[in-house]
Amino acid sequence: MTYGRVRGVYLPRLTDAFASSMATYGIPLLVLGTTNSSSLTGIAFVMAWTPRLCTFALAGLAVDRFGSTRVFRLAATARALVVALAVPALAAADDRTAPGLVMLLAACAGCLTQFSYIAAESVGAVASRDAGDAAHRVQGVLLGIDQAAALAGPAAGGLLLQWNGSGGMLTAIGGLSVVSAAITPRIQQPAAPVSEATVPAAGGWHTGWATLRALPALAWLVTGLALSNLALGLLEAATPVIVVQQLGRSSASVGAVWSCAAAASLLAVATSRVAIDRWGLPGVGRCAALVTIVPCFLIAHTDSYLAYLVLIAVFMAGDSVLTVVLRTLRSHLIPAEVFGSTLSVTVLILLMPYPVAGILMAVIDPTALHTTINVCAALQCLGLACAFTRGTRNRARRARHRR
């Protein structure tokens, strides 16, 4: 691990991931504390994720056109400015205007997070290619950074929100964004030719869709994980309501739930490589699917904070291993010449359930929340069952055809 890689890749990734994690989990808490409304909390979740979907292609084109360093710096700086303006605005707002300001903050934070995420991913991809045979180690460090940020971000956001109000949490997000902009990734990234940089996104989307349809094993797995993400998104949107309103806990307890879940995910990812080497990708994937499905059904029936925390942690551990399975299968199946466009399509499919989950949270009555979680758990079960039956069958058929 060279100093240049630490300074130029890992540190900017850490500060940006920390700020993004705190914003992702802290803003719904801020909405709940401001409005005491589960519907508005769900709407805030939609406002945070919808811009990320809408700007996905634009963020990728911006990185290709202007370079990851410039896009990362501008996105981090803009996020710092947004939260700096939000602090005095929320302090002066009354009960009528505060919800609208928080919704606007959620939308802006979600949009800028997408730009910084795509830029950081591009830097990580360049660093991996430069590392050669050690590429898996670079990706392992980056994944560990993301999990560590997911571990500390929600806990810090919940504590700051409880002890210092919205100003403390937003100031922390702004400070981390300023640090991210100041230590912008330093890596040599070849500029895209003008002919490639100005190509419309439509051609890339068409190529990605065509490639995904030609790979049924990957398509089934992406579909199954998309349905699993619907359950995950609903749990993320509903956790502030469940923990604070139904279980009678504080906002810091909400952060503790996601911090424990991130710790379990980090441990699961660390052990998944050994498990895959020993039992193979399909076997580990099926076990991870089972570990993810069972807690999701049980969550809807728990009335204990400790049980809820443990079930969420187990759910997230299984989901993290499924992510490892997806990334491994994706790297093996997608041809190198169309990897970028196909990756964009798969990520878009995997992110689409999050705003849908926010919409569900906004329209359902809080008393029907547990029933809705059960329905999402059933859809998740169906999707993952198809992914590891039809998908693996198609893959085996292709392998026999090649022989």
Protein backbone atom coordinates (compact mmCIF):
# COMPACT_ATOMS: atom_id res chain seq x y z
CA MET A 1 0.00 0.00 0.00
CA THR A 2 1.97 3.05 -1.24
CA TYR A 3 1.67 6.54 0.18
CA GLY A 4 0.53 7.84 -3.20
CA ARG A 5 -2.38 5.42 -3.28
CA VAL A 6 -3.34 6.23 0.31
CA ARG A 7 -3.22 9.98 -0.29
CA GLY A 8 -4.57 9.98 -3.83
CA VAL A 9 -7.27 7.29 -3.63
CA TYR A 10 -8.10 5.99 -0.18
CA LEU A 11 -8.30 9.18 1.93
CA PRO A 12 -10.61 11.09 -0.46
CA ARG A 13 -12.78 7.97 -0.73
CA LEU A 14 -12.98 7.73 3.06
CA THR A 15 -14.02 11.33 3.73
CA ASP A 16 -16.53 11.36 0.86
CA ALA A 17 -18.05 8.02 1.88
CA PHE A 18 -18.33 9.22 5.48
CA ALA A 19 -20.15 12.40 4.43
CA SER A 20 -22.43 10.48 2.05
CA SER A 21 -23.29 7.86 4.67
CA MET A 22 -24.09 10.50 7.28
CA ALA A 23 -26.33 12.34 4.82
CA THR A 24 -28.08 9.18 3.56
CA TYR A 25 -29.08 7.97 7.02
CA GLY A 26 -29.19 11.30 8.85
CA ILE A 27 -31.52 13.31 6.63
CA PRO A 28 -34.50 10.92 7.07
CA LEU A 29 -33.94 11.25 10.82
CA LEU A 30 -33.90 15.01 10.41
CA VAL A 31 -37.22 14.85 8.53
CA LEU A 32 -38.80 12.70 11.22
CA GLY A 33 -37.56 15.01 13.96
CA THR A 34 -38.80 18.09 12.10
CA THR A 35 -42.20 16.81 11.00
CA ASN A 36 -42.92 13.72 13.15
CA SER A 37 -44.47 12.25 10.00
CA SER A 38 -43.71 8.82 8.58
CA SER A 39 -45.13 9.86 5.18
CA LEU A 40 -42.80 12.84 4.89
CA THR A 41 -39.91 10.63 5.98
CA GLY A 42 -40.71 8.36 3.04
CA ILE A 43 -40.95 11.33 0.68
CA ALA A 44 -37.53 12.51 1.87
CA PHE A 45 -36.17 9.06 1.04
CA VAL A 46 -37.61 9.40 -2.47
CA MET A 47 -36.14 12.88 -2.81
CA ALA A 48 -32.71 11.55 -1.84
CA TRP A 49 -32.69 8.65 -4.31
CA THR A 50 -34.60 9.88 -7.35
CA PRO A 51 -31.98 12.50 -8.31
CA ARG A 52 -29.32 9.81 -8.09
CA LEU A 53 -31.16 7.78 -10.71
CA CYS A 54 -31.86 10.77 -12.93
CA THR A 55 -28.25 11.97 -12.87
CA PHE A 56 -26.59 8.58 -13.21
CA ALA A 57 -25.86 8.83 -16.92
CA LEU A 58 -25.04 12.53 -16.62
CA ALA A 59 -22.52 11.85 -13.87
CA GLY A 60 -20.82 9.18 -15.95
CA LEU A 61 -20.64 11.45 -18.99
CA ALA A 62 -19.25 14.28 -16.83
CA VAL A 63 -16.49 12.02 -15.50
CA ASP A 64 -15.64 10.86 -19.03
CA ARG A 65 -15.65 14.39 -20.38
CA PHE A 66 -13.98 16.41 -17.59
CA GLY A 67 -12.14 13.79 -15.57
CA SER A 68 -12.87 12.21 -12.19
CA THR A 69 -10.68 14.65 -10.24
CA ARG A 70 -12.54 17.75 -11.39
CA VAL A 71 -15.98 16.19 -10.97
CA PHE A 72 -15.13 14.89 -7.49
CA ARG A 73 -13.84 18.30 -6.36
CA LEU A 74 -16.85 20.18 -7.71
CA ALA A 75 -19.36 17.72 -6.24
CA ALA A 76 -17.75 17.81 -2.78
CA THR A 77 -17.51 21.61 -2.85
CA ALA A 78 -21.13 21.98 -3.95
CA ARG A 79 -22.31 19.65 -1.16
CA ALA A 80 -20.39 21.72 1.40
CA LEU A 81 -22.06 24.89 0.09
CA VAL A 82 -25.52 23.31 0.15
CA VAL A 83 -25.29 22.20 3.78
CA ALA A 84 -23.68 25.53 4.76
CA LEU A 85 -26.72 27.32 3.38
CA ALA A 86 -29.10 24.80 4.95
CA VAL A 87 -27.88 25.34 8.53
CA PRO A 88 -29.01 28.99 8.92
CA ALA A 89 -32.05 28.39 6.72
CA LEU A 90 -33.34 25.57 8.95
CA ALA A 91 -32.54 27.57 12.09
CA ALA A 92 -34.71 30.46 10.86
CA ALA A 93 -37.48 28.30 9.34
CA ASP A 94 -40.85 27.79 10.98
CA ASP A 95 -42.92 24.60 11.10
CA ARG A 96 -44.43 25.26 7.66
CA THR A 97 -41.27 25.94 5.70
CA ALA A 98 -38.88 23.53 7.45
CA PRO A 99 -40.20 20.34 5.76
CA GLY A 100 -39.78 21.86 2.29
CA LEU A 101 -36.23 22.94 3.07
CA VAL A 102 -35.32 19.48 4.33
CA MET A 103 -36.81 17.89 1.17
CA LEU A 104 -34.76 20.24 -0.99
CA LEU A 105 -31.68 19.37 1.04
CA ALA A 106 -32.35 15.64 0.53
CA ALA A 107 -32.66 16.10 -3.25
CA CYS A 108 -29.49 18.20 -3.55
CA ALA A 109 -27.48 15.86 -1.34
CA GLY A 110 -28.63 12.82 -3.32
CA CYS A 111 -27.72 14.40 -6.66
CA LEU A 112 -24.27 15.54 -5.55
CA THR A 113 -23.59 12.20 -3.86
CA GLN A 114 -24.16 10.46 -7.20
CA PHE A 115 -21.57 12.65 -8.93
CA SER A 116 -18.94 12.14 -6.23
CA TYR A 117 -19.69 8.39 -6.11
CA ILE A 118 -19.21 7.89 -9.86
CA ALA A 119 -16.00 9.96 -9.76
CA ALA A 120 -14.65 7.98 -6.80
CA GLU A 121 -15.54 4.69 -8.50
CA SER A 122 -13.69 5.80 -11.62
CA VAL A 123 -10.60 6.62 -9.56
CA GLY A 124 -10.81 3.21 -7.92
CA ALA A 125 -11.07 1.50 -11.31
CA VAL A 126 -7.95 3.31 -12.56
CA ALA A 127 -6.06 2.41 -9.38
CA SER A 128 -7.08 -1.23 -9.77
CA ARG A 129 -5.85 -1.38 -13.36
CA ASP A 130 -2.57 0.24 -12.33
CA ALA A 131 -2.15 -2.34 -9.55
CA GLY A 132 -2.14 -5.24 -12.03
CA ASP A 133 -2.21 -8.55 -10.17
CA ALA A 134 -2.91 -6.72 -6.90
CA ALA A 135 -6.20 -5.27 -8.22
CA HIS A 136 -8.28 -7.39 -5.86
CA ARG A 137 -6.41 -5.89 -2.90
CA VAL A 138 -7.24 -2.37 -4.06
CA GLN A 139 -10.92 -3.29 -4.41
CA GLY A 140 -10.81 -4.96 -1.00
CA VAL A 141 -9.52 -1.76 0.62
CA LEU A 142 -12.13 0.35 -1.18
CA LEU A 143 -14.95 -1.96 -0.12
CA GLY A 144 -13.62 -1.88 3.45
CA ILE A 145 -13.63 1.92 3.36
CA ASP A 146 -17.25 1.95 2.21
CA GLN A 147 -18.27 -0.47 4.95
CA ALA A 148 -16.33 1.47 7.60
CA ALA A 149 -18.06 4.68 6.52
CA ALA A 150 -21.41 2.91 6.68
CA LEU A 151 -20.43 1.76 10.17
CA ALA A 152 -19.48 5.16 11.57
CA GLY A 153 -21.65 7.55 9.53
CA PRO A 154 -25.13 6.63 10.84
CA ALA A 155 -23.95 6.45 14.45
CA ALA A 156 -22.22 9.83 14.25
CA GLY A 157 -25.18 11.41 12.47
CA GLY A 158 -27.67 10.09 15.02
CA LEU A 159 -25.58 11.27 17.96
CA LEU A 160 -24.98 14.72 16.49
CA LEU A 161 -28.66 15.09 15.66
CA GLN A 162 -29.70 14.10 19.18
CA TRP A 163 -27.18 16.23 21.05
CA ASN A 164 -26.67 19.26 18.78
CA GLY A 165 -29.71 19.25 16.53
CA SER A 166 -29.66 19.60 12.76
CA GLY A 167 -26.86 22.18 12.86
CA GLY A 168 -24.35 19.77 14.36
CA MET A 169 -24.98 17.00 11.85
CA LEU A 170 -25.05 19.31 8.82
CA THR A 171 -21.87 21.06 9.96
CA ALA A 172 -20.13 17.69 10.16
CA ILE A 173 -21.31 16.77 6.65
CA GLY A 174 -20.12 20.13 5.35
CA GLY A 175 -16.75 19.80 7.06
CA LEU A 176 -16.17 16.34 5.62
CA SER A 177 -17.15 17.63 2.18
CA VAL A 178 -14.62 20.46 2.46
CA VAL A 179 -11.90 17.99 3.43
CA SER A 180 -12.89 15.78 0.47
CA ALA A 181 -12.59 18.71 -1.91
CA ALA A 182 -9.23 19.71 -0.41
CA ILE A 183 -7.71 16.22 -0.79
CA THR A 184 -9.23 15.50 -4.18
CA PRO A 185 -8.03 12.18 -5.67
CA ARG A 186 -4.67 12.50 -7.37
CA ILE A 187 -4.40 9.92 -10.08
CA GLN A 188 -3.43 10.00 -13.71
CA GLN A 189 -6.52 9.17 -15.73
CA PRO A 190 -6.26 9.16 -19.52
CA ALA A 191 -8.59 11.67 -21.10
CA ALA A 192 -11.32 10.28 -23.30
CA PRO A 193 -11.09 11.09 -27.00
CA VAL A 194 -13.43 13.82 -28.13
CA SER A 195 -15.38 11.37 -30.26
CA GLU A 196 -16.02 9.18 -27.19
CA ALA A 197 -16.60 12.00 -24.73
CA THR A 198 -19.38 13.54 -26.78
CA VAL A 199 -21.24 10.33 -27.59
CA PRO A 200 -24.83 10.46 -26.30
CA ALA A 201 -25.73 8.16 -23.44
CA ALA A 202 -28.45 6.42 -25.45
CA GLY A 203 -26.01 4.20 -27.35
CA GLY A 204 -24.40 3.05 -24.12
CA TRP A 205 -27.76 2.22 -22.57
CA HIS A 206 -28.79 0.19 -25.63
CA THR A 207 -25.54 -1.77 -25.59
CA GLY A 208 -25.85 -2.42 -21.87
CA TRP A 209 -29.43 -3.67 -22.12
CA ALA A 210 -28.55 -5.93 -25.07
CA THR A 211 -25.59 -7.41 -23.21
CA LEU A 212 -27.58 -8.00 -20.04
CA ARG A 213 -30.35 -9.77 -21.98
CA ALA A 214 -27.71 -12.01 -23.55
CA LEU A 215 -26.46 -13.07 -20.10
CA PRO A 216 -29.46 -14.74 -18.39
CA ALA A 217 -27.46 -15.82 -15.32
CA LEU A 218 -26.47 -12.23 -14.63
CA ALA A 219 -29.91 -10.89 -15.56
CA TRP A 220 -31.66 -13.21 -13.10
CA LEU A 221 -29.22 -12.33 -10.32
CA VAL A 222 -29.65 -8.60 -10.94
CA THR A 223 -33.44 -9.03 -10.90
CA GLY A 224 -33.31 -10.98 -7.65
CA LEU A 225 -31.07 -8.42 -5.99
CA ALA A 226 -33.29 -5.59 -7.24
CA LEU A 227 -36.25 -7.16 -5.44
CA SER A 228 -34.03 -7.67 -2.40
CA ASN A 229 -33.11 -3.98 -2.58
CA LEU A 230 -36.81 -3.12 -2.47
CA ALA A 231 -36.99 -4.81 0.92
CA LEU A 232 -33.74 -3.16 1.99
CA GLY A 233 -34.90 0.26 0.83
CA LEU A 234 -38.18 -0.08 2.72
CA LEU A 235 -36.30 -1.06 5.87
CA GLU A 236 -33.96 1.91 5.49
CA ALA A 237 -36.88 4.30 5.05
CA ALA A 238 -38.95 2.69 7.81
CA THR A 239 -36.27 2.22 10.48
CA PRO A 240 -36.52 5.77 11.89
CA VAL A 241 -40.29 5.35 12.24
CA ILE A 242 -40.05 1.83 13.70
CA VAL A 243 -37.25 2.60 16.16
CA VAL A 244 -38.34 6.07 17.29
CA GLN A 245 -42.14 5.95 17.10
CA GLN A 246 -42.97 2.25 17.56
CA LEU A 247 -40.12 1.05 19.79
CA GLY A 248 -39.75 4.32 21.70
CA ARG A 249 -36.02 4.77 21.17
CA SER A 250 -33.90 7.84 20.36
CA SER A 251 -32.39 8.97 17.07
CA ALA A 252 -29.00 7.74 18.31
CA SER A 253 -30.52 4.25 18.52
CA VAL A 254 -31.37 4.46 14.82
CA GLY A 255 -27.73 5.19 14.04
CA ALA A 256 -26.69 2.27 16.24
CA VAL A 257 -28.87 -0.09 14.17
CA TRP A 258 -27.09 0.79 10.93
CA SER A 259 -23.66 0.88 12.54
CA CYS A 260 -24.11 -2.66 13.87
CA ALA A 261 -25.43 -3.70 10.46
CA ALA A 262 -22.35 -2.22 8.79
CA ALA A 263 -20.07 -4.05 11.24
CA ALA A 264 -21.81 -7.33 10.42
CA SER A 265 -21.50 -6.57 6.71
CA LEU A 266 -17.80 -5.84 7.06
CA LEU A 267 -17.24 -9.17 8.81
CA ALA A 268 -19.33 -11.03 6.22
CA VAL A 269 -17.40 -9.51 3.31
CA ALA A 270 -14.08 -10.39 4.99
CA THR A 271 -15.08 -14.05 5.31
CA SER A 272 -16.86 -14.41 1.98
CA ARG A 273 -13.66 -14.83 -0.06
CA VAL A 274 -12.59 -17.89 1.94
CA ALA A 275 -16.11 -19.31 1.78
CA ILE A 276 -16.31 -18.87 -2.01
CA ASP A 277 -12.90 -20.54 -2.46
CA ARG A 278 -14.11 -23.53 -0.44
CA TRP A 279 -17.76 -23.96 -1.45
CA GLY A 280 -18.02 -22.11 -4.74
CA LEU A 281 -19.98 -19.07 -5.86
CA PRO A 282 -23.45 -20.70 -6.25
CA GLY A 283 -23.29 -22.44 -2.87
CA VAL A 284 -22.27 -19.31 -0.98
CA GLY A 285 -24.84 -17.29 -2.92
CA ARG A 286 -27.67 -19.65 -1.92
CA CYS A 287 -26.63 -19.54 1.74
CA ALA A 288 -26.41 -15.75 1.64
CA ALA A 289 -29.86 -15.57 0.05
CA LEU A 290 -31.31 -17.71 2.86
CA VAL A 291 -29.56 -15.57 5.50
CA THR A 292 -31.09 -12.49 3.89
CA ILE A 293 -34.62 -13.81 3.41
CA VAL A 294 -35.34 -15.27 6.86
CA PRO A 295 -34.61 -12.11 8.92
CA CYS A 296 -36.71 -10.02 6.55
CA PHE A 297 -39.78 -12.10 7.40
CA LEU A 298 -38.97 -12.01 11.12
CA ILE A 299 -38.42 -8.25 11.25
CA ALA A 300 -42.10 -7.61 10.64
CA HIS A 301 -43.01 -9.54 13.80
CA THR A 302 -40.50 -8.24 16.34
CA ASP A 303 -41.42 -5.79 19.10
CA SER A 304 -37.97 -5.60 20.72
CA TYR A 305 -35.27 -3.10 19.83
CA LEU A 306 -32.46 -5.60 20.44
CA ALA A 307 -34.13 -8.22 18.24
CA TYR A 308 -34.69 -5.61 15.53
CA LEU A 309 -31.03 -4.58 15.66
CA VAL A 310 -29.81 -8.20 15.41
CA LEU A 311 -32.19 -9.05 12.55
CA ILE A 312 -31.15 -5.97 10.55
CA ALA A 313 -27.49 -6.87 11.11
CA VAL A 314 -28.04 -10.44 9.88
CA PHE A 315 -30.04 -9.18 6.91
CA MET A 316 -27.27 -6.77 5.91
CA ALA A 317 -24.56 -9.42 6.35
CA GLY A 318 -26.34 -11.71 3.88
CA ASP A 319 -26.99 -8.81 1.51
CA SER A 320 -23.28 -7.89 1.53
CA VAL A 321 -22.26 -11.42 0.56
CA LEU A 322 -24.83 -11.34 -2.24
CA THR A 323 -23.15 -8.14 -3.45
CA VAL A 324 -19.79 -9.94 -3.53
CA VAL A 325 -21.39 -12.76 -5.55
CA LEU A 326 -22.87 -10.22 -7.99
CA ARG A 327 -19.57 -8.38 -8.48
CA THR A 328 -17.68 -11.63 -9.01
CA LEU A 329 -20.19 -13.00 -11.50
CA ARG A 330 -20.39 -9.64 -13.26
CA SER A 331 -16.63 -9.45 -13.71
CA HIS A 332 -16.56 -12.98 -15.14
CA LEU A 333 -19.50 -12.73 -17.54
CA ILE A 334 -19.50 -9.21 -18.99
CA PRO A 335 -17.16 -8.77 -21.98
CA ALA A 336 -14.48 -6.15 -21.34
CA GLU A 337 -15.40 -4.08 -24.38
CA VAL A 338 -18.96 -3.45 -23.10
CA PHE A 339 -18.29 -3.60 -19.37
CA GLY A 340 -18.92 0.08 -18.65
CA SER A 341 -22.28 0.33 -20.40
CA THR A 342 -23.52 -2.95 -18.93
CA LEU A 343 -22.34 -1.94 -15.47
CA SER A 344 -24.35 1.29 -15.74
CA VAL A 345 -27.50 -0.64 -16.61
CA THR A 346 -27.07 -3.13 -13.75
CA VAL A 347 -26.44 -0.36 -11.21
CA LEU A 348 -29.49 1.55 -12.45
CA ILE A 349 -31.69 -1.54 -12.03
CA LEU A 350 -30.31 -2.13 -8.54
CA LEU A 351 -30.92 1.49 -7.46
CA MET A 352 -34.45 1.88 -8.86
CA PRO A 353 -36.16 0.07 -5.93
CA TYR A 354 -34.97 2.70 -3.43
CA PRO A 355 -37.26 5.55 -4.55
CA VAL A 356 -40.05 2.98 -4.97
CA ALA A 357 -39.52 2.03 -1.32
CA GLY A 358 -39.72 5.69 -0.36
CA ILE A 359 -43.00 6.06 -2.23
CA LEU A 360 -44.39 3.02 -0.41
CA MET A 361 -43.32 4.53 2.89
CA ALA A 362 -45.03 7.79 1.98
CA VAL A 363 -48.39 6.33 0.93
CA ILE A 364 -48.97 3.50 3.39
CA ASP A 365 -50.43 3.96 6.82
CA PRO A 366 -47.92 3.34 9.65
CA THR A 367 -50.17 0.58 10.98
CA ALA A 368 -49.73 -1.30 7.67
CA LEU A 369 -45.96 -1.02 7.73
CA HIS A 370 -45.29 -4.55 8.96
CA THR A 371 -47.65 -6.04 6.36
CA THR A 372 -45.81 -4.13 3.65
CA ILE A 373 -42.48 -5.48 4.92
CA ASN A 374 -43.90 -9.01 4.69
CA VAL A 375 -44.99 -8.42 1.09
CA CYS A 376 -41.52 -7.11 0.17
CA ALA A 377 -39.95 -10.10 1.91
CA ALA A 378 -42.10 -12.44 -0.19
CA LEU A 379 -41.04 -10.66 -3.39
CA GLN A 380 -37.41 -10.86 -2.26
CA CYS A 381 -37.77 -14.59 -1.62
CA LEU A 382 -39.26 -15.14 -5.08
CA GLY A 383 -36.59 -13.08 -6.82
CA LEU A 384 -33.63 -14.71 -5.10
CA ALA A 385 -35.11 -18.18 -5.58
CA CYS A 386 -35.31 -17.55 -9.32
CA ALA A 387 -31.81 -16.05 -9.34
CA PHE A 388 -30.24 -19.16 -7.84
CA THR A 389 -32.35 -21.72 -9.71
CA ARG A 390 -33.07 -20.43 -13.21
CA GLY A 391 -29.94 -18.29 -13.29
CA THR A 392 -27.54 -21.07 -12.28
CA ARG A 393 -29.34 -23.51 -14.60
CA ASN A 394 -28.81 -21.16 -17.54
CA ARG A 395 -25.17 -20.73 -16.61
CA ALA A 396 -24.63 -24.49 -16.43
CA ARG A 397 -26.34 -24.91 -19.81
CA ARG A 398 -24.02 -22.34 -21.37
CA ALA A 399 -20.99 -24.09 -19.86
CA ARG A 400 -22.06 -27.45 -21.37
CA HIS A 401 -22.67 -25.77 -24.72
CA ARG A 402 -19.13 -24.37 -24.75
CA ARG A 403 -17.68 -27.80 -24.07
